[in-house]
């Protein structure tokens, strides 16, 4: 059972990452400086995600709205509950992780397919 939860969370993370990379690659084509700025933004995103410290630190910071607006938090919460806490994530936590992953993937897919007609002008 633990193995299926971890595999499902990894699949959700892969779907999220694919959608985010589709969005990012579209931005890089139109705005090349985004490629230089991305590592800086990624480093900041790392620190506002509860990866290296407990989420209680971010809940106290600015009323917890940083966690609520962070799309990666919902997927990380599923990982943390399964691996660190040994608990089964609730249906609402699974659904929020699925919703965020699918939303980012569909948004990235729509953006890249609608913008792909103008890619050849930016070579």
PDB file of N, CA and C in Angstrom:
ATOM      1  N   UNK A   1       0.816  -1.196   0.000  1.00  0.00           N
ATOM      2  CA  UNK A   1       0.000   0.000   0.000  1.00  0.00           C
ATOM      3  C   UNK A   1       0.860   1.260   0.000  1.00  0.00           C
ATOM      4  N   UNK A   2       1.939   1.222   0.779  1.00  0.00           N
ATOM      5  CA  UNK A   2       2.845   2.365   0.825  1.00  0.00           C
ATOM      6  C   UNK A   2       3.482   2.596  -0.540  1.00  0.00           C
ATOM      7  N   UNK A   3       3.813   1.512  -1.203  1.00  0.00           N
ATOM      8  CA  UNK A   3       4.462   1.620  -2.512  1.00  0.00           C
ATOM      9  C   UNK A   3       3.545   2.287  -3.538  1.00  0.00           C
ATOM     10  N   UNK A   4       2.258   1.954  -3.519  1.00  0.00           N
ATOM     11  CA  UNK A   4       1.336   2.554  -4.487  1.00  0.00           C
ATOM     12  C   UNK A   4       1.116   4.036  -4.202  1.00  0.00           C
ATOM     13  N   UNK A   5       1.115   4.420  -2.929  1.00  0.00           N
ATOM     14  CA  UNK A   5       0.973   5.840  -2.596  1.00  0.00           C
ATOM     15  C   UNK A   5       2.174   6.642  -3.070  1.00  0.00           C
ATOM     16  N   UNK A   6       3.361   6.084  -2.899  1.00  0.00           N
ATOM     17  CA  UNK A   6       4.568   6.786  -3.322  1.00  0.00           C
ATOM     18  C   UNK A   6       4.625   6.878  -4.842  1.00  0.00           C
ATOM     19  N   UNK A   7       4.294   5.786  -5.525  1.00  0.00           N
ATOM     20  CA  UNK A   7       4.311   5.795  -6.988  1.00  0.00           C
ATOM     21  C   UNK A   7       3.279   6.792  -7.520  1.00  0.00           C
ATOM     22  N   UNK A   8       2.105   6.837  -6.904  1.00  0.00           N
ATOM     23  CA  UNK A   8       1.083   7.789  -7.325  1.00  0.00           C
ATOM     24  C   UNK A   8       1.545   9.230  -7.111  1.00  0.00           C
ATOM     25  N   UNK A   9       2.184   9.485  -5.993  1.00  0.00           N
ATOM     26  CA  UNK A   9       2.698  10.835  -5.723  1.00  0.00           C
ATOM     27  C   UNK A   9       3.807  11.206  -6.711  1.00  0.00           C
ATOM     28  N   UNK A  10       4.641  10.248  -7.078  1.00  0.00           N
ATOM     29  CA  UNK A  10       5.700  10.512  -8.056  1.00  0.00           C
ATOM     30  C   UNK A  10       5.089  10.825  -9.421  1.00  0.00           C
ATOM     31  N   UNK A  11       4.046  10.097  -9.787  1.00  0.00           N
ATOM     32  CA  UNK A  11       3.370  10.363 -11.061  1.00  0.00           C
ATOM     33  C   UNK A  11       2.749  11.759 -11.052  1.00  0.00           C
ATOM     34  N   UNK A  12       2.125  12.140  -9.950  1.00  0.00           N
ATOM     35  CA  UNK A  12       1.559  13.489  -9.844  1.00  0.00           C
ATOM     36  C   UNK A  12       2.650  14.556  -9.948  1.00  0.00           C
ATOM     37  N   UNK A  13       3.785  14.314  -9.320  1.00  0.00           N
ATOM     38  CA  UNK A  13       4.890  15.252  -9.407  1.00  0.00           C
ATOM     39  C   UNK A  13       5.429  15.335 -10.834  1.00  0.00           C
ATOM     40  N   UNK A  14       5.478  14.206 -11.535  1.00  0.00           N
ATOM     41  CA  UNK A  14       5.952  14.202 -12.921  1.00  0.00           C
ATOM     42  C   UNK A  14       4.990  14.964 -13.832  1.00  0.00           C
ATOM     43  N   UNK A  15       3.691  14.812 -13.616  1.00  0.00           N
ATOM     44  CA  UNK A  15       2.699  15.545 -14.411  1.00  0.00           C
ATOM     45  C   UNK A  15       2.821  17.046 -14.156  1.00  0.00           C
ATOM     46  N   UNK A  16       2.981  17.426 -12.900  1.00  0.00           N
ATOM     47  CA  UNK A  16       3.166  18.829 -12.549  1.00  0.00           C
ATOM     48  C   UNK A  16       4.430  19.387 -13.194  1.00  0.00           C
ATOM     49  N   UNK A  17       5.505  18.632 -13.116  1.00  0.00           N
ATOM     50  CA  UNK A  17       6.780  19.083 -13.670  1.00  0.00           C
ATOM     51  C   UNK A  17       6.716  19.223 -15.178  1.00  0.00           C
ATOM     52  N   UNK A  18       6.035  18.304 -15.850  1.00  0.00           N
ATOM     53  CA  UNK A  18       5.890  18.399 -17.298  1.00  0.00           C
ATOM     54  C   UNK A  18       5.102  19.642 -17.692  1.00  0.00           C
ATOM     55  N   UNK A  19       4.007  19.897 -17.006  1.00  0.00           N
ATOM     56  CA  UNK A  19       3.218  21.094 -17.290  1.00  0.00           C
ATOM     57  C   UNK A  19       3.988  22.372 -17.029  1.00  0.00           C
ATOM     58  N   UNK A  20       4.732  22.393 -15.930  1.00  0.00           N
ATOM     59  CA  UNK A  20       5.523  23.575 -15.605  1.00  0.00           C
ATOM     60  C   UNK A  20       6.632  23.787 -16.624  1.00  0.00           C
ATOM     61  N   UNK A  21       7.248  22.701 -17.088  1.00  0.00           N
ATOM     62  CA  UNK A  21       8.311  22.845 -18.082  1.00  0.00           C
ATOM     63  C   UNK A  21       7.755  23.281 -19.435  1.00  0.00           C
ATOM     64  N   UNK A  22       6.535  22.880 -19.767  1.00  0.00           N
ATOM     65  CA  UNK A  22       5.909  23.365 -20.997  1.00  0.00           C
ATOM     66  C   UNK A  22       5.669  24.876 -20.918  1.00  0.00           C
ATOM     67  N   UNK A  23       5.191  25.332 -19.775  1.00  0.00           N
ATOM     68  CA  UNK A  23       5.008  26.778 -19.583  1.00  0.00           C
ATOM     69  C   UNK A  23       6.333  27.530 -19.655  1.00  0.00           C
ATOM     70  N   UNK A  24       7.320  26.991 -18.980  1.00  0.00           N
ATOM     71  CA  UNK A  24       8.617  27.651 -18.935  1.00  0.00           C
ATOM     72  C   UNK A  24       9.280  27.685 -20.307  1.00  0.00           C
ATOM     73  N   UNK A  25       9.182  26.600 -21.057  1.00  0.00           N
ATOM     74  CA  UNK A  25       9.815  26.584 -22.377  1.00  0.00           C
ATOM     75  C   UNK A  25       9.148  27.572 -23.325  1.00  0.00           C
ATOM     76  N   UNK A  26       7.846  27.754 -23.193  1.00  0.00           N
ATOM     77  CA  UNK A  26       7.164  28.751 -24.008  1.00  0.00           C
ATOM     78  C   UNK A  26       7.628  30.154 -23.638  1.00  0.00           C
ATOM     79  N   UNK A  27       7.770  30.423 -22.361  1.00  0.00           N
ATOM     80  CA  UNK A  27       8.250  31.732 -21.929  1.00  0.00           C
ATOM     81  C   UNK A  27       9.675  32.004 -22.404  1.00  0.00           C
ATOM     82  N   UNK A  28      10.516  30.971 -22.376  1.00  0.00           N
ATOM     83  CA  UNK A  28      11.911  31.151 -22.770  1.00  0.00           C
ATOM     84  C   UNK A  28      12.028  31.482 -24.254  1.00  0.00           C
ATOM     85  N   UNK A  29      11.139  30.947 -25.062  1.00  0.00           N
ATOM     86  CA  UNK A  29      11.197  31.251 -26.493  1.00  0.00           C
ATOM     87  C   UNK A  29      10.895  32.725 -26.748  1.00  0.00           C
ATOM     88  N   UNK A  30       9.888  33.255 -26.064  1.00  0.00           N
ATOM     89  CA  UNK A  30       9.514  34.650 -26.280  1.00  0.00           C
ATOM     90  C   UNK A  30      10.370  35.634 -25.491  1.00  0.00           C
ATOM     91  N   UNK A  31      10.820  35.215 -24.323  1.00  0.00           N
ATOM     92  CA  UNK A  31      11.632  36.066 -23.454  1.00  0.00           C
ATOM     93  C   UNK A  31      12.876  35.289 -23.025  1.00  0.00           C
ATOM     94  N   UNK A  32      13.972  35.375 -23.749  1.00  0.00           N
ATOM     95  CA  UNK A  32      15.163  34.566 -23.450  1.00  0.00           C
ATOM     96  C   UNK A  32      15.767  34.818 -22.067  1.00  0.00           C
ATOM     97  N   UNK A  33      15.529  35.970 -21.491  1.00  0.00           N
ATOM     98  CA  UNK A  33      16.090  36.263 -20.171  1.00  0.00           C
ATOM     99  C   UNK A  33      15.448  35.432 -19.069  1.00  0.00           C
ATOM    100  N   UNK A  34      14.324  34.830 -19.353  1.00  0.00           N
ATOM    101  CA  UNK A  34      13.671  33.970 -18.360  1.00  0.00           C
ATOM    102  C   UNK A  34      14.571  32.787 -18.015  1.00  0.00           C
ATOM    103  N   UNK A  35      15.337  32.307 -18.983  1.00  0.00           N
ATOM    104  CA  UNK A  35      16.256  31.186 -18.728  1.00  0.00           C
ATOM    105  C   UNK A  35      17.331  31.567 -17.712  1.00  0.00           C
ATOM    106  N   UNK A  36      17.733  32.825 -17.718  1.00  0.00           N
ATOM    107  CA  UNK A  36      18.739  33.279 -16.753  1.00  0.00           C
ATOM    108  C   UNK A  36      18.115  33.538 -15.380  1.00  0.00           C
ATOM    109  N   UNK A  37      16.874  33.934 -15.350  1.00  0.00           N
ATOM    110  CA  UNK A  37      16.195  34.258 -14.105  1.00  0.00           C
ATOM    111  C   UNK A  37      15.629  33.008 -13.413  1.00  0.00           C
ATOM    112  N   UNK A  38      15.394  31.962 -14.179  1.00  0.00           N
ATOM    113  CA  UNK A  38      14.749  30.753 -13.642  1.00  0.00           C
ATOM    114  C   UNK A  38      15.478  30.139 -12.444  1.00  0.00           C
ATOM    115  N   UNK A  39      16.808  29.976 -12.465  1.00  0.00           N
ATOM    116  CA  UNK A  39      17.466  29.394 -11.279  1.00  0.00           C
ATOM    117  C   UNK A  39      17.265  30.213 -10.007  1.00  0.00           C
ATOM    118  N   UNK A  40      17.199  31.524 -10.152  1.00  0.00           N
ATOM    119  CA  UNK A  40      16.997  32.378  -8.984  1.00  0.00           C
ATOM    120  C   UNK A  40      15.587  32.185  -8.427  1.00  0.00           C
ATOM    121  N   UNK A  41      14.609  32.159  -9.326  1.00  0.00           N
ATOM    122  CA  UNK A  41      13.219  31.944  -8.909  1.00  0.00           C
ATOM    123  C   UNK A  41      13.051  30.554  -8.302  1.00  0.00           C
ATOM    124  N   UNK A  42      13.700  29.565  -8.887  1.00  0.00           N
ATOM    125  CA  UNK A  42      13.617  28.199  -8.370  1.00  0.00           C
ATOM    126  C   UNK A  42      14.208  28.090  -6.971  1.00  0.00           C
ATOM    127  N   UNK A  43      15.296  28.806  -6.732  1.00  0.00           N
ATOM    128  CA  UNK A  43      15.898  28.811  -5.393  1.00  0.00           C
ATOM    129  C   UNK A  43      14.946  29.439  -4.369  1.00  0.00           C
ATOM    130  N   UNK A  44      14.308  30.537  -4.741  1.00  0.00           N
ATOM    131  CA  UNK A  44      13.334  31.149  -3.843  1.00  0.00           C
ATOM    132  C   UNK A  44      12.132  30.259  -3.605  1.00  0.00           C
ATOM    133  N   UNK A  45      11.677  29.575  -4.652  1.00  0.00           N
ATOM    134  CA  UNK A  45      10.546  28.655  -4.532  1.00  0.00           C
ATOM    135  C   UNK A  45      10.897  27.496  -3.602  1.00  0.00           C
ATOM    136  N   UNK A  46      12.140  27.058  -3.647  1.00  0.00           N
ATOM    137  CA  UNK A  46      12.608  25.993  -2.765  1.00  0.00           C
ATOM    138  C   UNK A  46      12.464  26.405  -1.303  1.00  0.00           C
ATOM    139  N   UNK A  47      12.778  27.657  -1.007  1.00  0.00           N
ATOM    140  CA  UNK A  47      12.732  28.107   0.376  1.00  0.00           C
ATOM    141  C   UNK A  47      11.324  28.433   0.867  1.00  0.00           C
ATOM    142  N   UNK A  48      10.378  28.665  -0.031  1.00  0.00           N
ATOM    143  CA  UNK A  48       9.006  28.876   0.437  1.00  0.00           C
ATOM    144  C   UNK A  48       8.178  27.601   0.328  1.00  0.00           C
ATOM    145  N   UNK A  49       8.828  26.476   0.063  1.00  0.00           N
ATOM    146  CA  UNK A  49       8.179  25.171   0.089  1.00  0.00           C
ATOM    147  C   UNK A  49       8.707  24.417   1.310  1.00  0.00           C
ATOM    148  N   UNK A  50       7.844  23.681   1.997  1.00  0.00           N
ATOM    149  CA  UNK A  50       8.304  22.974   3.200  1.00  0.00           C
ATOM    150  C   UNK A  50       9.095  21.715   2.848  1.00  0.00           C
ATOM    151  N   UNK A  51      10.324  21.909   2.387  1.00  0.00           N
ATOM    152  CA  UNK A  51      11.171  20.785   2.018  1.00  0.00           C
ATOM    153  C   UNK A  51      12.235  20.551   3.080  1.00  0.00           C
ATOM    154  N   UNK A  52      12.944  21.598   3.454  1.00  0.00           N
ATOM    155  CA  UNK A  52      14.050  21.425   4.396  1.00  0.00           C
ATOM    156  C   UNK A  52      13.684  21.811   5.826  1.00  0.00           C
ATOM    157  N   UNK A  53      12.510  22.351   6.027  1.00  0.00           N
ATOM    158  CA  UNK A  53      12.071  22.708   7.368  1.00  0.00           C
ATOM    159  C   UNK A  53      10.578  22.421   7.476  1.00  0.00           C
ATOM    160  N   UNK A  54      10.058  22.298   8.693  1.00  0.00           N
ATOM    161  CA  UNK A  54       8.639  21.946   8.851  1.00  0.00           C
ATOM    162  C   UNK A  54       7.705  23.034   8.339  1.00  0.00           C
ATOM    163  N   UNK A  55       6.519  22.618   7.958  1.00  0.00           N
ATOM    164  CA  UNK A  55       5.561  23.580   7.407  1.00  0.00           C
ATOM    165  C   UNK A  55       5.026  24.541   8.456  1.00  0.00           C
ATOM    166  N   UNK A  56       5.211  24.241   9.725  1.00  0.00           N
ATOM    167  CA  UNK A  56       4.750  25.151  10.779  1.00  0.00           C
ATOM    168  C   UNK A  56       5.486  26.488  10.717  1.00  0.00           C
ATOM    169  N   UNK A  57       6.709  26.478  10.209  1.00  0.00           N
ATOM    170  CA  UNK A  57       7.462  27.721  10.064  1.00  0.00           C
ATOM    171  C   UNK A  57       6.780  28.623   9.048  1.00  0.00           C
ATOM    172  N   UNK A  58       6.327  28.038   7.946  1.00  0.00           N
ATOM    173  CA  UNK A  58       5.654  28.827   6.920  1.00  0.00           C
ATOM    174  C   UNK A  58       4.214  29.157   7.290  1.00  0.00           C
ATOM    175  N   UNK A  59       3.599  28.354   8.144  1.00  0.00           N
ATOM    176  CA  UNK A  59       2.240  28.670   8.590  1.00  0.00           C
ATOM    177  C   UNK A  59       2.238  29.923   9.451  1.00  0.00           C
ATOM    178  N   UNK A  60       3.291  30.113  10.222  1.00  0.00           N
ATOM    179  CA  UNK A  60       3.385  31.303  11.056  1.00  0.00           C
ATOM    180  C   UNK A  60       3.757  32.539  10.248  1.00  0.00           C
ATOM    181  N   UNK A  61       4.408  32.345   9.124  1.00  0.00           N
ATOM    182  CA  UNK A  61       4.861  33.453   8.291  1.00  0.00           C
ATOM    183  C   UNK A  61       3.721  33.946   7.417  1.00  0.00           C
ATOM    184  N   UNK A  62       3.339  35.187   7.604  1.00  0.00           N
ATOM    185  CA  UNK A  62       2.299  35.860   6.805  1.00  0.00           C
ATOM    186  C   UNK A  62       0.959  35.128   6.828  1.00  0.00           C
ATOM    187  N   UNK A  63       0.643  34.537   7.935  1.00  0.00           N
ATOM    188  CA  UNK A  63      -0.666  33.909   8.088  1.00  0.00           C
ATOM    189  C   UNK A  63      -0.853  32.618   7.305  1.00  0.00           C
ATOM    190  N   UNK A  64       0.210  32.044   6.782  1.00  0.00           N
ATOM    191  CA  UNK A  64       0.114  30.784   6.058  1.00  0.00           C
ATOM    192  C   UNK A  64      -0.331  30.894   4.614  1.00  0.00           C
ATOM    193  N   UNK A  65      -0.493  32.101   4.098  1.00  0.00           N
ATOM    194  CA  UNK A  65      -0.966  32.228   2.718  1.00  0.00           C
ATOM    195  C   UNK A  65       0.093  31.818   1.708  1.00  0.00           C
ATOM    196  N   UNK A  66       1.366  31.795   2.127  1.00  0.00           N
ATOM    197  CA  UNK A  66       2.424  31.330   1.227  1.00  0.00           C
ATOM    198  C   UNK A  66       2.209  29.854   0.895  1.00  0.00           C
ATOM    199  N   UNK A  67       1.832  29.074   1.870  1.00  0.00           N
ATOM    200  CA  UNK A  67       1.585  27.652   1.615  1.00  0.00           C
ATOM    201  C   UNK A  67       0.349  27.448   0.751  1.00  0.00           C
ATOM    202  N   UNK A  68      -0.674  28.232   0.990  1.00  0.00           N
ATOM    203  CA  UNK A  68      -1.910  28.058   0.237  1.00  0.00           C
ATOM    204  C   UNK A  68      -1.747  28.427  -1.232  1.00  0.00           C
ATOM    205  N   UNK A  69      -0.881  29.373  -1.529  1.00  0.00           N
ATOM    206  CA  UNK A  69      -0.669  29.796  -2.914  1.00  0.00           C
ATOM    207  C   UNK A  69       0.431  29.013  -3.623  1.00  0.00           C
ATOM    208  N   UNK A  70       1.195  28.237  -2.893  1.00  0.00           N
ATOM    209  CA  UNK A  70       2.280  27.460  -3.476  1.00  0.00           C
ATOM    210  C   UNK A  70       1.705  26.176  -4.089  1.00  0.00           C
ATOM    211  N   UNK A  71       1.741  26.025  -5.420  1.00  0.00           N
ATOM    212  CA  UNK A  71       1.140  24.838  -6.024  1.00  0.00           C
ATOM    213  C   UNK A  71       1.884  23.554  -5.695  1.00  0.00           C
ATOM    214  N   UNK A  72       3.163  23.646  -5.428  1.00  0.00           N
ATOM    215  CA  UNK A  72       3.939  22.452  -5.121  1.00  0.00           C
ATOM    216  C   UNK A  72       3.664  21.935  -3.713  1.00  0.00           C
ATOM    217  N   UNK A  73       3.147  22.767  -2.851  1.00  0.00           N
ATOM    218  CA  UNK A  73       2.883  22.370  -1.461  1.00  0.00           C
ATOM    219  C   UNK A  73       1.929  21.184  -1.375  1.00  0.00           C
ATOM    220  N   UNK A  74       0.910  21.173  -2.210  1.00  0.00           N
ATOM    221  CA  UNK A  74      -0.095  20.113  -2.134  1.00  0.00           C
ATOM    222  C   UNK A  74       0.496  18.758  -2.504  1.00  0.00           C
ATOM    223  N   UNK A  75       1.410  18.748  -3.450  1.00  0.00           N
ATOM    224  CA  UNK A  75       2.059  17.490  -3.835  1.00  0.00           C
ATOM    225  C   UNK A  75       3.071  17.084  -2.769  1.00  0.00           C
ATOM    226  N   UNK A  76       3.812  18.043  -2.249  1.00  0.00           N
ATOM    227  CA  UNK A  76       4.775  17.746  -1.191  1.00  0.00           C
ATOM    228  C   UNK A  76       4.094  17.236   0.073  1.00  0.00           C
ATOM    229  N   UNK A  77       2.904  17.736   0.355  1.00  0.00           N
ATOM    230  CA  UNK A  77       2.164  17.301   1.541  1.00  0.00           C
ATOM    231  C   UNK A  77       1.830  15.817   1.455  1.00  0.00           C
ATOM    232  N   UNK A  78       1.479  15.346   0.263  1.00  0.00           N
ATOM    233  CA  UNK A  78       1.186  13.921   0.076  1.00  0.00           C
ATOM    234  C   UNK A  78       2.447  13.096   0.334  1.00  0.00           C
ATOM    235  N   UNK A  79       3.590  13.557  -0.173  1.00  0.00           N
ATOM    236  CA  UNK A  79       4.856  12.863   0.086  1.00  0.00           C
ATOM    237  C   UNK A  79       5.188  12.843   1.569  1.00  0.00           C
ATOM    238  N   UNK A  80       5.074  13.995   2.222  1.00  0.00           N
ATOM    239  CA  UNK A  80       5.450  14.086   3.627  1.00  0.00           C
ATOM    240  C   UNK A  80       4.555  13.240   4.523  1.00  0.00           C
ATOM    241  N   UNK A  81       3.271  13.253   4.262  1.00  0.00           N
ATOM    242  CA  UNK A  81       2.372  12.453   5.096  1.00  0.00           C
ATOM    243  C   UNK A  81       2.661  10.968   4.924  1.00  0.00           C
ATOM    244  N   UNK A  82       2.983  10.554   3.712  1.00  0.00           N
ATOM    245  CA  UNK A  82       3.234   9.142   3.458  1.00  0.00           C
ATOM    246  C   UNK A  82       4.582   8.699   4.011  1.00  0.00           C
ATOM    247  N   UNK A  83       5.627   9.466   3.746  1.00  0.00           N
ATOM    248  CA  UNK A  83       6.974   9.029   4.109  1.00  0.00           C
ATOM    249  C   UNK A  83       7.371   9.381   5.539  1.00  0.00           C
ATOM    250  N   UNK A  84       7.117  10.613   5.956  1.00  0.00           N
ATOM    251  CA  UNK A  84       7.594  11.050   7.263  1.00  0.00           C
ATOM    252  C   UNK A  84       6.617  10.747   8.392  1.00  0.00           C
ATOM    253  N   UNK A  85       5.346  11.007   8.154  1.00  0.00           N
ATOM    254  CA  UNK A  85       4.358  10.832   9.211  1.00  0.00           C
ATOM    255  C   UNK A  85       3.803   9.417   9.275  1.00  0.00           C
ATOM    256  N   UNK A  86       3.899   8.668   8.181  1.00  0.00           N
ATOM    257  CA  UNK A  86       3.358   7.312   8.142  1.00  0.00           C
ATOM    258  C   UNK A  86       1.844   7.293   8.099  1.00  0.00           C
ATOM    259  N   UNK A  87       1.238   8.365   7.639  1.00  0.00           N
ATOM    260  CA  UNK A  87      -0.212   8.468   7.579  1.00  0.00           C
ATOM    261  C   UNK A  87      -0.689   8.362   6.139  1.00  0.00           C
ATOM    262  N   UNK A  88      -1.945   7.988   5.994  1.00  0.00           N
ATOM    263  CA  UNK A  88      -2.558   7.967   4.673  1.00  0.00           C
ATOM    264  C   UNK A  88      -3.173   9.339   4.421  1.00  0.00           C
ATOM    265  N   UNK A  89      -2.769  10.037   3.374  1.00  0.00           N
ATOM    266  CA  UNK A  89      -3.359  11.352   3.101  1.00  0.00           C
ATOM    267  C   UNK A  89      -4.860  11.241   2.856  1.00  0.00           C
ATOM    268  N   UNK A  90      -5.575  12.247   3.274  1.00  0.00           N
ATOM    269  CA  UNK A  90      -7.029  12.228   3.109  1.00  0.00           C
ATOM    270  C   UNK A  90      -7.395  12.404   1.638  1.00  0.00           C
ATOM    271  N   UNK A  91      -8.646  12.131   1.345  1.00  0.00           N
ATOM    272  CA  UNK A  91      -9.126  12.257  -0.033  1.00  0.00           C
ATOM    273  C   UNK A  91      -9.000  13.707  -0.512  1.00  0.00           C
ATOM    274  N   UNK A  92      -9.268  14.663   0.369  1.00  0.00           N
ATOM    275  CA  UNK A  92      -9.163  16.066  -0.037  1.00  0.00           C
ATOM    276  C   UNK A  92      -7.715  16.444  -0.362  1.00  0.00           C
ATOM    277  N   UNK A  93      -6.765  15.886   0.366  1.00  0.00           N
ATOM    278  CA  UNK A  93      -5.360  16.166   0.066  1.00  0.00           C
ATOM    279  C   UNK A  93      -4.944  15.524  -1.252  1.00  0.00           C
ATOM    280  N   UNK A  94      -5.412  14.311  -1.511  1.00  0.00           N
ATOM    281  CA  UNK A  94      -5.131  13.669  -2.796  1.00  0.00           C
ATOM    282  C   UNK A  94      -5.765  14.455  -3.935  1.00  0.00           C
ATOM    283  N   UNK A  95      -7.008  14.875  -3.734  1.00  0.00           N
ATOM    284  CA  UNK A  95      -7.709  15.598  -4.803  1.00  0.00           C
ATOM    285  C   UNK A  95      -7.065  16.958  -5.079  1.00  0.00           C
ATOM    286  N   UNK A  96      -6.601  17.633  -4.041  1.00  0.00           N
ATOM    287  CA  UNK A  96      -5.931  18.914  -4.288  1.00  0.00           C
ATOM    288  C   UNK A  96      -4.617  18.701  -5.036  1.00  0.00           C
ATOM    289  N   UNK A  97      -3.884  17.628  -4.708  1.00  0.00           N
ATOM    290  CA  UNK A  97      -2.648  17.333  -5.435  1.00  0.00           C
ATOM    291  C   UNK A  97      -2.942  16.959  -6.887  1.00  0.00           C
ATOM    292  N   UNK A  98      -3.991  16.171  -7.114  1.00  0.00           N
ATOM    293  CA  UNK A  98      -4.373  15.799  -8.478  1.00  0.00           C
ATOM    294  C   UNK A  98      -4.832  17.030  -9.247  1.00  0.00           C
ATOM    295  N   UNK A  99      -5.638  17.873  -8.614  1.00  0.00           N
ATOM    296  CA  UNK A  99      -6.135  19.072  -9.280  1.00  0.00           C
ATOM    297  C   UNK A  99      -4.993  20.001  -9.680  1.00  0.00           C
ATOM    298  N   UNK A 100      -4.060  20.242  -8.764  1.00  0.00           N
ATOM    299  CA  UNK A 100      -2.939  21.130  -9.064  1.00  0.00           C
ATOM    300  C   UNK A 100      -2.091  20.559 -10.192  1.00  0.00           C
ATOM    301  N   UNK A 101      -1.807  19.266 -10.132  1.00  0.00           N
ATOM    302  CA  UNK A 101      -0.981  18.644 -11.169  1.00  0.00           C
ATOM    303  C   UNK A 101      -1.648  18.721 -12.530  1.00  0.00           C
ATOM    304  N   UNK A 102      -2.913  18.361 -12.586  1.00  0.00           N
ATOM    305  CA  UNK A 102      -3.617  18.381 -13.869  1.00  0.00           C
ATOM    306  C   UNK A 102      -3.832  19.802 -14.378  1.00  0.00           C
ATOM    307  N   UNK A 103      -4.099  20.730 -13.476  1.00  0.00           N
ATOM    308  CA  UNK A 103      -4.290  22.120 -13.891  1.00  0.00           C
ATOM    309  C   UNK A 103      -3.024  22.685 -14.521  1.00  0.00           C
ATOM    310  N   UNK A 104      -1.881  22.469 -13.874  1.00  0.00           N
ATOM    311  CA  UNK A 104      -0.624  22.994 -14.407  1.00  0.00           C
ATOM    312  C   UNK A 104      -0.284  22.301 -15.724  1.00  0.00           C
ATOM    313  N   UNK A 105      -0.536  20.987 -15.811  1.00  0.00           N
ATOM    314  CA  UNK A 105      -0.256  20.268 -17.055  1.00  0.00           C
ATOM    315  C   UNK A 105      -1.141  20.770 -18.195  1.00  0.00           C
ATOM    316  N   UNK A 106      -2.440  20.892 -17.945  1.00  0.00           N
ATOM    317  CA  UNK A 106      -3.361  21.350 -18.998  1.00  0.00           C
ATOM    318  C   UNK A 106      -3.054  22.786 -19.393  1.00  0.00           C
ATOM    319  N   UNK A 107      -2.751  23.639 -18.417  1.00  0.00           N
ATOM    320  CA  UNK A 107      -2.384  25.017 -18.728  1.00  0.00           C
ATOM    321  C   UNK A 107      -1.116  25.066 -19.584  1.00  0.00           C
ATOM    322  N   UNK A 108      -0.109  24.288 -19.215  1.00  0.00           N
ATOM    323  CA  UNK A 108       1.117  24.247 -19.999  1.00  0.00           C
ATOM    324  C   UNK A 108       0.884  23.709 -21.397  1.00  0.00           C
ATOM    325  N   UNK A 109       0.052  22.689 -21.509  1.00  0.00           N
ATOM    326  CA  UNK A 109      -0.255  22.118 -22.819  1.00  0.00           C
ATOM    327  C   UNK A 109      -1.000  23.124 -23.696  1.00  0.00           C
ATOM    328  N   UNK A 110      -1.971  23.809 -23.133  1.00  0.00           N
ATOM    329  CA  UNK A 110      -2.717  24.798 -23.910  1.00  0.00           C
ATOM    330  C   UNK A 110      -1.843  25.973 -24.332  1.00  0.00           C
ATOM    331  N   UNK A 111      -0.984  26.422 -23.440  1.00  0.00           N
ATOM    332  CA  UNK A 111      -0.121  27.554 -23.768  1.00  0.00           C
ATOM    333  C   UNK A 111       0.852  27.183 -24.881  1.00  0.00           C
ATOM    334  N   UNK A 112       1.451  26.019 -24.798  1.00  0.00           N
ATOM    335  CA  UNK A 112       2.450  25.674 -25.812  1.00  0.00           C
ATOM    336  C   UNK A 112       1.804  25.336 -27.151  1.00  0.00           C
ATOM    337  N   UNK A 113       0.619  24.739 -27.145  1.00  0.00           N
ATOM    338  CA  UNK A 113      -0.030  24.435 -28.424  1.00  0.00           C
ATOM    339  C   UNK A 113      -0.583  25.692 -29.092  1.00  0.00           C
ATOM    340  N   UNK A 114      -1.070  26.631 -28.298  1.00  0.00           N
ATOM    341  CA  UNK A 114      -1.571  27.878 -28.886  1.00  0.00           C
ATOM    342  C   UNK A 114      -0.446  28.811 -29.327  1.00  0.00           C
ATOM    343  N   UNK A 115       0.709  28.707 -28.705  1.00  0.00           N
ATOM    344  CA  UNK A 115       1.827  29.584 -29.052  1.00  0.00           C
ATOM    345  C   UNK A 115       2.754  28.979 -30.090  1.00  0.00           C
ATOM    346  N   UNK A 116       2.613  27.699 -30.369  1.00  0.00           N
ATOM    347  CA  UNK A 116       3.600  27.023 -31.215  1.00  0.00           C
ATOM    348  C   UNK A 116       3.597  27.539 -32.656  1.00  0.00           C
ATOM    349  N   UNK A 117       2.527  28.139 -33.094  1.00  0.00           N
ATOM    350  CA  UNK A 117       2.474  28.667 -34.466  1.00  0.00           C
ATOM    351  C   UNK A 117       3.456  29.831 -34.656  1.00  0.00           C
ATOM    352  N   UNK A 118       3.741  30.550 -33.605  1.00  0.00           N
ATOM    353  CA  UNK A 118       4.623  31.702 -33.720  1.00  0.00           C
ATOM    354  C   UNK A 118       6.044  31.415 -33.268  1.00  0.00           C
ATOM    355  N   UNK A 119       6.378  30.173 -32.970  1.00  0.00           N
ATOM    356  CA  UNK A 119       7.728  29.859 -32.513  1.00  0.00           C
ATOM    357  C   UNK A 119       8.779  30.101 -33.586  1.00  0.00           C
ATOM    358  N   UNK A 120       8.469  29.848 -34.816  1.00  0.00           N
ATOM    359  CA  UNK A 120       9.481  29.951 -35.866  1.00  0.00           C
ATOM    360  C   UNK A 120       9.922  31.388 -36.118  1.00  0.00           C
ATOM    361  N   UNK A 121       9.184  32.347 -35.646  1.00  0.00           N
ATOM    362  CA  UNK A 121       9.587  33.746 -35.798  1.00  0.00           C
ATOM    363  C   UNK A 121      10.666  34.146 -34.796  1.00  0.00           C
ATOM    364  N   UNK A 122      10.876  33.341 -33.785  1.00  0.00           N
ATOM    365  CA  UNK A 122      11.810  33.698 -32.724  1.00  0.00           C
ATOM    366  C   UNK A 122      13.101  32.896 -32.775  1.00  0.00           C
ATOM    367  N   UNK A 123      13.482  32.365 -33.921  1.00  0.00           N
ATOM    368  CA  UNK A 123      14.733  31.598 -34.022  1.00  0.00           C
ATOM    369  C   UNK A 123      15.919  32.484 -34.088  1.00  0.00           C
TER     370      UNK A 123
END
